[in-house]
Amino acid sequence: MDSLNMLSSLERPTLSAQVARHLLELVNRDQLRPGDQVPSEIQIGRDLQVSRGSVREAYRTLAALGILEIESGRKPRLRVIDPKVLAQVFDYALNTHQVQLGHVLETRRAIELQTAQLAARYASEAQRNTLRELVGKMRAAGTDRARRVASDMAIHSVIAEASGNPLNSLLLSALRSPVEASSRMHFDDNRSESELVRVIDAHDAVVERICAGDAVGAASAMSYHFDISMVRVKRQDELLSEIGPAAYIQILSS
């Protein structure tokens, strides 16, 4: 096979990839929604004149991507989007050190500034009350780092929900592992009392501005929160380059 034919062969999608693309086009054409049924493997095979094996491979790929729900004896259905699928990609990138925690925090910063603005505009009274309660729990946690981290995670989750944009909650959920790792850094037992108070005060300021309906102030407070977070995370990323991945992972999980 000459180089031109080889390139053409490499660029040509497999049968299973063509089946997957056909199904996604069908979803768009028929305006299907999560929970709706899609054609069976047998039906798709007949329609496209391809083997059932190719269809099965395509369906399994789509199931692994969180697009299809496949159960024995039932027609495949479309699934509600699952943040765990994205989480696997992000965790893989971190675990193989293709990205660092600082990169994640930089991306989160861009997203969460706007999220805070939207939450200040659209948060319900129940969500505002929940945010106030969570800040109170964070302050009351004392030396219990696990409780402080849990409060931190919950605060950002409620803000994302309050923004009214489902992509914010989706991305934050998908980044749960690195978000939790950075939260543990913020509330490290080795930090001074004044440093811990500053981190809690930063969360309090974000919540206070959101509850006041101050979109500009909420974004400014969130920006400050991430500014002080970035200092800590950058130090940890520098530590990664010094001590190596194995020791670094041990620190994150401690």
C-alpha atoms as a PDB file:
ATOM      1  CA  MET A   1       0.000   0.000   0.000  1.00  0.00           C
ATOM      2  CA  ASP A   2       1.514   3.374  -0.990  1.00  0.00           C
ATOM      3  CA  SER A   3       1.605   6.297   1.433  1.00  0.00           C
ATOM      4  CA  LEU A   4      -1.389   8.062  -0.151  1.00  0.00           C
ATOM      5  CA  ASN A   5      -3.599   4.986   0.121  1.00  0.00           C
ATOM      6  CA  MET A   6      -2.389   4.363   3.664  1.00  0.00           C
ATOM      7  CA  LEU A   7      -3.290   7.932   4.676  1.00  0.00           C
ATOM      8  CA  SER A   8      -6.708   7.561   3.068  1.00  0.00           C
ATOM      9  CA  SER A   9      -7.246   4.341   5.012  1.00  0.00           C
ATOM     10  CA  LEU A  10      -6.274   5.974   8.296  1.00  0.00           C
ATOM     11  CA  GLU A  11      -8.598   8.922   7.725  1.00  0.00           C
ATOM     12  CA  ARG A  12     -11.565   6.733   6.779  1.00  0.00           C
ATOM     13  CA  PRO A  13     -13.852   6.238   9.806  1.00  0.00           C
ATOM     14  CA  THR A  14     -14.521   2.691  10.946  1.00  0.00           C
ATOM     15  CA  LEU A  15     -17.948   1.160  10.427  1.00  0.00           C
ATOM     16  CA  SER A  16     -18.715   1.491  14.133  1.00  0.00           C
ATOM     17  CA  ALA A  17     -17.741   5.191  14.019  1.00  0.00           C
ATOM     18  CA  GLN A  18     -20.065   5.695  11.056  1.00  0.00           C
ATOM     19  CA  VAL A  19     -22.876   3.969  12.959  1.00  0.00           C
ATOM     20  CA  ALA A  20     -22.303   6.200  15.984  1.00  0.00           C
ATOM     21  CA  ARG A  21     -22.336   9.317  13.824  1.00  0.00           C
ATOM     22  CA  HIS A  22     -25.541   8.147  12.115  1.00  0.00           C
ATOM     23  CA  LEU A  23     -27.244   7.647  15.469  1.00  0.00           C
ATOM     24  CA  LEU A  24     -26.199  11.088  16.729  1.00  0.00           C
ATOM     25  CA  GLU A  25     -27.508  12.634  13.506  1.00  0.00           C
ATOM     26  CA  LEU A  26     -30.782  10.757  14.046  1.00  0.00           C
ATOM     27  CA  VAL A  27     -31.023  12.172  17.574  1.00  0.00           C
ATOM     28  CA  ASN A  28     -30.589  15.686  16.206  1.00  0.00           C
ATOM     29  CA  ARG A  29     -32.968  15.154  13.278  1.00  0.00           C
ATOM     30  CA  ASP A  30     -35.775  13.700  15.405  1.00  0.00           C
ATOM     31  CA  GLN A  31     -35.142  16.084  18.328  1.00  0.00           C
ATOM     32  CA  LEU A  32     -34.876  13.200  20.779  1.00  0.00           C
ATOM     33  CA  ARG A  33     -34.469  13.864  24.479  1.00  0.00           C
ATOM     34  CA  PRO A  34     -33.011  11.937  27.450  1.00  0.00           C
ATOM     35  CA  GLY A  35     -35.172   8.912  28.170  1.00  0.00           C
ATOM     36  CA  ASP A  36     -36.303   8.539  24.557  1.00  0.00           C
ATOM     37  CA  GLN A  37     -35.715   5.233  22.824  1.00  0.00           C
ATOM     38  CA  VAL A  38     -33.377   4.863  19.862  1.00  0.00           C
ATOM     39  CA  PRO A  39     -33.516   2.127  17.204  1.00  0.00           C
ATOM     40  CA  SER A  40     -32.352  -1.322  18.229  1.00  0.00           C
ATOM     41  CA  GLU A  41     -29.063  -2.777  17.042  1.00  0.00           C
ATOM     42  CA  ILE A  42     -30.959  -5.003  14.612  1.00  0.00           C
ATOM     43  CA  GLN A  43     -32.913  -2.085  13.139  1.00  0.00           C
ATOM     44  CA  ILE A  44     -29.833   0.100  12.686  1.00  0.00           C
ATOM     45  CA  GLY A  45     -27.965  -2.795  11.097  1.00  0.00           C
ATOM     46  CA  ARG A  46     -30.776  -3.258   8.586  1.00  0.00           C
ATOM     47  CA  ASP A  47     -31.067   0.453   7.856  1.00  0.00           C
ATOM     48  CA  LEU A  48     -27.320   0.881   7.246  1.00  0.00           C
ATOM     49  CA  GLN A  49     -26.639  -2.568   5.827  1.00  0.00           C
ATOM     50  CA  VAL A  50     -23.834  -3.226   8.296  1.00  0.00           C
ATOM     51  CA  SER A  51     -23.104  -6.156  10.589  1.00  0.00           C
ATOM     52  CA  ARG A  52     -24.645  -6.301  14.032  1.00  0.00           C
ATOM     53  CA  GLY A  53     -21.131  -6.525  15.455  1.00  0.00           C
ATOM     54  CA  SER A  54     -20.311  -3.052  14.114  1.00  0.00           C
ATOM     55  CA  VAL A  55     -23.556  -1.685  15.526  1.00  0.00           C
ATOM     56  CA  ARG A  56     -22.920  -3.312  18.893  1.00  0.00           C
ATOM     57  CA  GLU A  57     -19.452  -1.785  19.022  1.00  0.00           C
ATOM     58  CA  ALA A  58     -20.889   1.653  18.245  1.00  0.00           C
ATOM     59  CA  TYR A  59     -23.595   1.309  20.890  1.00  0.00           C
ATOM     60  CA  ARG A  60     -21.085   0.201  23.522  1.00  0.00           C
ATOM     61  CA  THR A  61     -18.898   3.186  22.706  1.00  0.00           C
ATOM     62  CA  LEU A  62     -21.855   5.545  23.075  1.00  0.00           C
ATOM     63  CA  ALA A  63     -22.798   3.838  26.339  1.00  0.00           C
ATOM     64  CA  ALA A  64     -19.241   4.322  27.647  1.00  0.00           C
ATOM     65  CA  LEU A  65     -19.519   8.010  26.736  1.00  0.00           C
ATOM     66  CA  GLY A  66     -22.685   8.259  28.816  1.00  0.00           C
ATOM     67  CA  ILE A  67     -24.936   8.874  25.800  1.00  0.00           C
ATOM     68  CA  LEU A  68     -26.836   5.579  25.662  1.00  0.00           C
ATOM     69  CA  GLU A  69     -28.371   3.447  28.378  1.00  0.00           C
ATOM     70  CA  ILE A  70     -28.258  -0.202  27.364  1.00  0.00           C
ATOM     71  CA  GLU A  71     -30.119  -2.883  29.316  1.00  0.00           C
ATOM     72  CA  SER A  72     -30.702  -6.481  28.323  1.00  0.00           C
ATOM     73  CA  GLY A  73     -34.130  -7.047  26.808  1.00  0.00           C
ATOM     74  CA  ARG A  74     -34.893  -3.335  26.395  1.00  0.00           C
ATOM     75  CA  LYS A  75     -34.435  -0.883  23.574  1.00  0.00           C
ATOM     76  CA  PRO A  76     -31.510   1.494  24.101  1.00  0.00           C
ATOM     77  CA  ARG A  77     -32.415   4.897  25.510  1.00  0.00           C
ATOM     78  CA  LEU A  78     -30.735   8.268  25.617  1.00  0.00           C
ATOM     79  CA  ARG A  79     -29.205   9.108  28.993  1.00  0.00           C
ATOM     80  CA  VAL A  80     -29.077  12.324  30.957  1.00  0.00           C
ATOM     81  CA  ILE A  81     -25.554  13.697  30.611  1.00  0.00           C
ATOM     82  CA  ASP A  82     -23.253  12.258  33.257  1.00  0.00           C
ATOM     83  CA  PRO A  83     -20.398  14.354  34.717  1.00  0.00           C
ATOM     84  CA  LYS A  84     -18.550  11.121  35.607  1.00  0.00           C
ATOM     85  CA  VAL A  85     -17.616  10.693  31.939  1.00  0.00           C
ATOM     86  CA  LEU A  86     -15.900  14.085  31.828  1.00  0.00           C
ATOM     87  CA  ALA A  87     -14.416  13.421  35.255  1.00  0.00           C
ATOM     88  CA  GLN A  88     -12.597  10.381  33.895  1.00  0.00           C
ATOM     89  CA  VAL A  89     -10.978  12.533  31.202  1.00  0.00           C
ATOM     90  CA  PHE A  90      -9.937  15.254  33.663  1.00  0.00           C
ATOM     91  CA  ASP A  91      -8.672  12.748  36.233  1.00  0.00           C
ATOM     92  CA  TYR A  92      -6.672  10.952  33.551  1.00  0.00           C
ATOM     93  CA  ALA A  93      -5.081  14.242  32.472  1.00  0.00           C
ATOM     94  CA  LEU A  94      -4.112  14.992  36.079  1.00  0.00           C
ATOM     95  CA  ASN A  95      -2.955  11.500  36.972  1.00  0.00           C
ATOM     96  CA  THR A  96      -0.686  11.382  33.913  1.00  0.00           C
ATOM     97  CA  HIS A  97       0.521  14.942  34.648  1.00  0.00           C
ATOM     98  CA  GLN A  98      -0.546  16.316  31.295  1.00  0.00           C
ATOM     99  CA  VAL A  99      -2.093  19.159  33.304  1.00  0.00           C
ATOM    100  CA  GLN A 100      -1.408  20.396  36.816  1.00  0.00           C
ATOM    101  CA  LEU A 101      -3.719  21.470  39.599  1.00  0.00           C
ATOM    102  CA  GLY A 102      -2.849  25.081  38.863  1.00  0.00           C
ATOM    103  CA  HIS A 103      -4.211  24.704  35.337  1.00  0.00           C
ATOM    104  CA  VAL A 104      -7.480  23.389  36.741  1.00  0.00           C
ATOM    105  CA  LEU A 105      -7.717  26.301  39.158  1.00  0.00           C
ATOM    106  CA  GLU A 106      -7.104  28.816  36.372  1.00  0.00           C
ATOM    107  CA  THR A 107      -9.939  27.282  34.346  1.00  0.00           C
ATOM    108  CA  ARG A 108     -12.231  27.170  37.373  1.00  0.00           C
ATOM    109  CA  ARG A 109     -11.469  30.817  38.099  1.00  0.00           C
ATOM    110  CA  ALA A 110     -12.722  31.896  34.683  1.00  0.00           C
ATOM    111  CA  ILE A 111     -15.879  29.822  35.050  1.00  0.00           C
ATOM    112  CA  GLU A 112     -16.661  30.645  38.665  1.00  0.00           C
ATOM    113  CA  LEU A 113     -16.344  34.400  38.326  1.00  0.00           C
ATOM    114  CA  GLN A 114     -19.260  34.384  35.919  1.00  0.00           C
ATOM    115  CA  THR A 115     -21.041  31.747  38.010  1.00  0.00           C
ATOM    116  CA  ALA A 116     -20.904  34.056  41.029  1.00  0.00           C
ATOM    117  CA  GLN A 117     -22.309  36.926  38.968  1.00  0.00           C
ATOM    118  CA  LEU A 118     -25.192  34.789  37.739  1.00  0.00           C
ATOM    119  CA  ALA A 119     -25.885  33.424  41.204  1.00  0.00           C
ATOM    120  CA  ALA A 120     -26.141  36.982  42.554  1.00  0.00           C
ATOM    121  CA  ARG A 121     -28.848  37.617  39.977  1.00  0.00           C
ATOM    122  CA  TYR A 122     -30.761  34.359  40.056  1.00  0.00           C
ATOM    123  CA  ALA A 123     -30.233  32.597  43.405  1.00  0.00           C
ATOM    124  CA  SER A 124     -33.463  31.693  45.175  1.00  0.00           C
ATOM    125  CA  GLU A 125     -34.042  32.636  48.797  1.00  0.00           C
ATOM    126  CA  ALA A 126     -33.612  28.981  49.741  1.00  0.00           C
ATOM    127  CA  GLN A 127     -30.249  28.863  47.983  1.00  0.00           C
ATOM    128  CA  ARG A 128     -29.119  32.071  49.702  1.00  0.00           C
ATOM    129  CA  ASN A 129     -30.067  30.622  53.079  1.00  0.00           C
ATOM    130  CA  THR A 130     -28.196  27.421  52.279  1.00  0.00           C
ATOM    131  CA  LEU A 131     -25.061  29.387  51.370  1.00  0.00           C
ATOM    132  CA  ARG A 132     -25.217  31.317  54.663  1.00  0.00           C
ATOM    133  CA  GLU A 133     -25.608  28.077  56.595  1.00  0.00           C
ATOM    134  CA  LEU A 134     -22.650  26.497  54.813  1.00  0.00           C
ATOM    135  CA  VAL A 135     -20.364  29.417  55.644  1.00  0.00           C
ATOM    136  CA  GLY A 136     -21.491  29.083  59.257  1.00  0.00           C
ATOM    137  CA  LYS A 137     -20.619  25.384  59.194  1.00  0.00           C
ATOM    138  CA  MET A 138     -17.222  26.181  57.700  1.00  0.00           C
ATOM    139  CA  ARG A 139     -16.452  28.581  60.563  1.00  0.00           C
ATOM    140  CA  ALA A 140     -17.774  26.170  63.178  1.00  0.00           C
ATOM    141  CA  ALA A 141     -15.688  23.272  61.850  1.00  0.00           C
ATOM    142  CA  GLY A 142     -12.723  24.348  63.947  1.00  0.00           C
ATOM    143  CA  THR A 143      -9.798  21.990  63.427  1.00  0.00           C
ATOM    144  CA  ASP A 144     -11.905  19.426  61.556  1.00  0.00           C
ATOM    145  CA  ARG A 145     -10.432  19.734  58.047  1.00  0.00           C
ATOM    146  CA  ALA A 146     -12.882  17.203  56.556  1.00  0.00           C
ATOM    147  CA  ARG A 147     -15.838  19.361  57.630  1.00  0.00           C
ATOM    148  CA  ARG A 148     -14.218  22.513  56.275  1.00  0.00           C
ATOM    149  CA  VAL A 149     -13.538  20.824  52.932  1.00  0.00           C
ATOM    150  CA  ALA A 150     -17.101  19.459  52.765  1.00  0.00           C
ATOM    151  CA  SER A 151     -18.484  22.952  53.395  1.00  0.00           C
ATOM    152  CA  ASP A 152     -16.190  24.423  50.751  1.00  0.00           C
ATOM    153  CA  MET A 153     -17.277  21.873  48.142  1.00  0.00           C
ATOM    154  CA  ALA A 154     -20.942  22.403  48.991  1.00  0.00           C
ATOM    155  CA  ILE A 155     -20.679  26.207  48.762  1.00  0.00           C
ATOM    156  CA  HIS A 156     -19.267  26.083  45.241  1.00  0.00           C
ATOM    157  CA  SER A 157     -21.820  23.459  44.225  1.00  0.00           C
ATOM    158  CA  VAL A 158     -24.768  25.572  45.419  1.00  0.00           C
ATOM    159  CA  ILE A 159     -23.365  28.672  43.683  1.00  0.00           C
ATOM    160  CA  ALA A 160     -23.110  26.697  40.429  1.00  0.00           C
ATOM    161  CA  GLU A 161     -26.708  25.506  40.780  1.00  0.00           C
ATOM    162  CA  ALA A 162     -27.886  29.011  41.640  1.00  0.00           C
ATOM    163  CA  SER A 163     -26.314  30.378  38.441  1.00  0.00           C
ATOM    164  CA  GLY A 164     -29.096  28.727  36.439  1.00  0.00           C
ATOM    165  CA  ASN A 165     -26.610  27.447  33.840  1.00  0.00           C
ATOM    166  CA  PRO A 166     -26.471  23.610  33.960  1.00  0.00           C
ATOM    167  CA  LEU A 167     -23.013  23.605  32.337  1.00  0.00           C
ATOM    168  CA  ASN A 168     -21.572  25.227  35.457  1.00  0.00           C
ATOM    169  CA  SER A 169     -22.773  22.374  37.667  1.00  0.00           C
ATOM    170  CA  LEU A 170     -21.701  19.814  35.085  1.00  0.00           C
ATOM    171  CA  LEU A 171     -18.138  21.133  34.817  1.00  0.00           C
ATOM    172  CA  LEU A 172     -17.754  21.575  38.561  1.00  0.00           C
ATOM    173  CA  SER A 173     -18.955  18.005  39.172  1.00  0.00           C
ATOM    174  CA  ALA A 174     -16.600  16.689  36.498  1.00  0.00           C
ATOM    175  CA  LEU A 175     -13.697  18.474  38.197  1.00  0.00           C
ATOM    176  CA  ARG A 176     -14.630  17.148  41.635  1.00  0.00           C
ATOM    177  CA  SER A 177     -11.347  15.282  42.281  1.00  0.00           C
ATOM    178  CA  PRO A 178      -8.998  18.226  41.588  1.00  0.00           C
ATOM    179  CA  VAL A 179     -11.441  20.631  43.256  1.00  0.00           C
ATOM    180  CA  GLU A 180     -11.377  18.518  46.403  1.00  0.00           C
ATOM    181  CA  ALA A 181      -7.594  18.265  46.232  1.00  0.00           C
ATOM    182  CA  SER A 182      -7.236  22.047  46.040  1.00  0.00           C
ATOM    183  CA  SER A 183      -9.743  22.452  48.890  1.00  0.00           C
ATOM    184  CA  ARG A 184      -7.655  20.178  51.097  1.00  0.00           C
ATOM    185  CA  MET A 185      -4.673  22.415  50.336  1.00  0.00           C
ATOM    186  CA  HIS A 186      -6.588  25.553  51.381  1.00  0.00           C
ATOM    187  CA  PHE A 187      -7.474  23.957  54.715  1.00  0.00           C
ATOM    188  CA  ASP A 188      -4.180  22.182  55.325  1.00  0.00           C
ATOM    189  CA  ASP A 189      -3.545  21.550  59.018  1.00  0.00           C
ATOM    190  CA  ASN A 190      -0.103  23.119  58.593  1.00  0.00           C
ATOM    191  CA  ARG A 191      -1.562  26.506  57.725  1.00  0.00           C
ATOM    192  CA  SER A 192      -1.634  29.180  60.378  1.00  0.00           C
ATOM    193  CA  GLU A 193      -4.885  30.186  62.052  1.00  0.00           C
ATOM    194  CA  SER A 194      -4.755  33.577  60.335  1.00  0.00           C
ATOM    195  CA  GLU A 195      -4.387  31.921  56.915  1.00  0.00           C
ATOM    196  CA  LEU A 196      -7.364  29.644  57.549  1.00  0.00           C
ATOM    197  CA  VAL A 197      -9.466  32.574  58.705  1.00  0.00           C
ATOM    198  CA  ARG A 198      -8.549  34.482  55.543  1.00  0.00           C
ATOM    199  CA  VAL A 199      -9.741  31.566  53.371  1.00  0.00           C
ATOM    200  CA  ILE A 200     -13.022  31.338  55.288  1.00  0.00           C
ATOM    201  CA  ASP A 201     -13.478  35.115  55.128  1.00  0.00           C
ATOM    202  CA  ALA A 202     -12.996  34.944  51.355  1.00  0.00           C
ATOM    203  CA  HIS A 203     -15.840  32.422  51.064  1.00  0.00           C
ATOM    204  CA  ASP A 204     -17.975  34.547  53.389  1.00  0.00           C
ATOM    205  CA  ALA A 205     -17.417  37.610  51.197  1.00  0.00           C
ATOM    206  CA  VAL A 206     -18.516  35.737  48.063  1.00  0.00           C
ATOM    207  CA  VAL A 207     -21.666  34.463  49.758  1.00  0.00           C
ATOM    208  CA  GLU A 208     -22.454  37.866  51.286  1.00  0.00           C
ATOM    209  CA  ARG A 209     -22.295  39.593  47.871  1.00  0.00           C
ATOM    210  CA  ILE A 210     -24.376  36.867  46.214  1.00  0.00           C
ATOM    211  CA  CYS A 211     -27.007  37.120  48.939  1.00  0.00           C
ATOM    212  CA  ALA A 212     -27.020  40.906  48.503  1.00  0.00           C
ATOM    213  CA  GLY A 213     -27.703  40.495  44.786  1.00  0.00           C
ATOM    214  CA  ASP A 214     -24.474  42.326  43.949  1.00  0.00           C
ATOM    215  CA  ALA A 215     -23.227  40.688  40.723  1.00  0.00           C
ATOM    216  CA  VAL A 216     -20.148  42.903  40.368  1.00  0.00           C
ATOM    217  CA  GLY A 217     -19.209  42.497  44.018  1.00  0.00           C
ATOM    218  CA  ALA A 218     -19.728  38.726  43.855  1.00  0.00           C
ATOM    219  CA  ALA A 219     -17.362  38.426  40.902  1.00  0.00           C
ATOM    220  CA  SER A 220     -14.790  40.623  42.643  1.00  0.00           C
ATOM    221  CA  ALA A 221     -15.006  38.563  45.832  1.00  0.00           C
ATOM    222  CA  MET A 222     -14.691  35.327  43.872  1.00  0.00           C
ATOM    223  CA  SER A 223     -11.669  36.734  42.048  1.00  0.00           C
ATOM    224  CA  TYR A 224      -9.960  37.482  45.367  1.00  0.00           C
ATOM    225  CA  HIS A 225     -10.821  33.985  46.630  1.00  0.00           C
ATOM    226  CA  PHE A 226      -9.085  32.439  43.623  1.00  0.00           C
ATOM    227  CA  ASP A 227      -6.141  34.818  43.867  1.00  0.00           C
ATOM    228  CA  ILE A 228      -5.265  33.552  47.340  1.00  0.00           C
ATOM    229  CA  SER A 229      -5.994  29.968  46.272  1.00  0.00           C
ATOM    230  CA  MET A 230      -3.639  30.196  43.307  1.00  0.00           C
ATOM    231  CA  VAL A 231      -0.704  31.108  45.557  1.00  0.00           C
ATOM    232  CA  ARG A 232      -1.082  27.881  47.529  1.00  0.00           C
ATOM    233  CA  VAL A 233      -1.652  25.682  44.487  1.00  0.00           C
ATOM    234  CA  LYS A 234       1.281  27.158  42.565  1.00  0.00           C
ATOM    235  CA  ARG A 235       3.522  26.235  45.492  1.00  0.00           C
ATOM    236  CA  GLN A 236       2.215  22.676  45.347  1.00  0.00           C
ATOM    237  CA  ASP A 237       2.805  22.471  41.596  1.00  0.00           C
ATOM    238  CA  GLU A 238       6.369  23.620  42.188  1.00  0.00           C
ATOM    239  CA  LEU A 239       6.653  20.884  44.812  1.00  0.00           C
ATOM    240  CA  LEU A 240       5.496  18.350  42.211  1.00  0.00           C
ATOM    241  CA  SER A 241       8.410  19.220  39.962  1.00  0.00           C
ATOM    242  CA  GLU A 242      10.824  18.922  42.892  1.00  0.00           C
ATOM    243  CA  ILE A 243       9.752  15.680  44.620  1.00  0.00           C
ATOM    244  CA  GLY A 244       8.138  13.750  41.751  1.00  0.00           C
ATOM    245  CA  PRO A 245       4.604  12.459  41.026  1.00  0.00           C
ATOM    246  CA  ALA A 246       4.497   9.547  43.526  1.00  0.00           C
ATOM    247  CA  ALA A 247       5.325  11.649  46.587  1.00  0.00           C
ATOM    248  CA  TYR A 248       3.081  14.438  45.325  1.00  0.00           C
ATOM    249  CA  ILE A 249       0.047  12.135  45.016  1.00  0.00           C
ATOM    250  CA  GLN A 250       0.686  10.885  48.550  1.00  0.00           C
ATOM    251  CA  ILE A 251       0.563  14.462  49.815  1.00  0.00           C
ATOM    252  CA  LEU A 252      -2.704  15.177  47.988  1.00  0.00           C
ATOM    253  CA  SER A 253      -4.398  12.087  49.376  1.00  0.00           C
ATOM    254  CA  SER A 254      -3.253  12.633  52.970  1.00  0.00           C
END
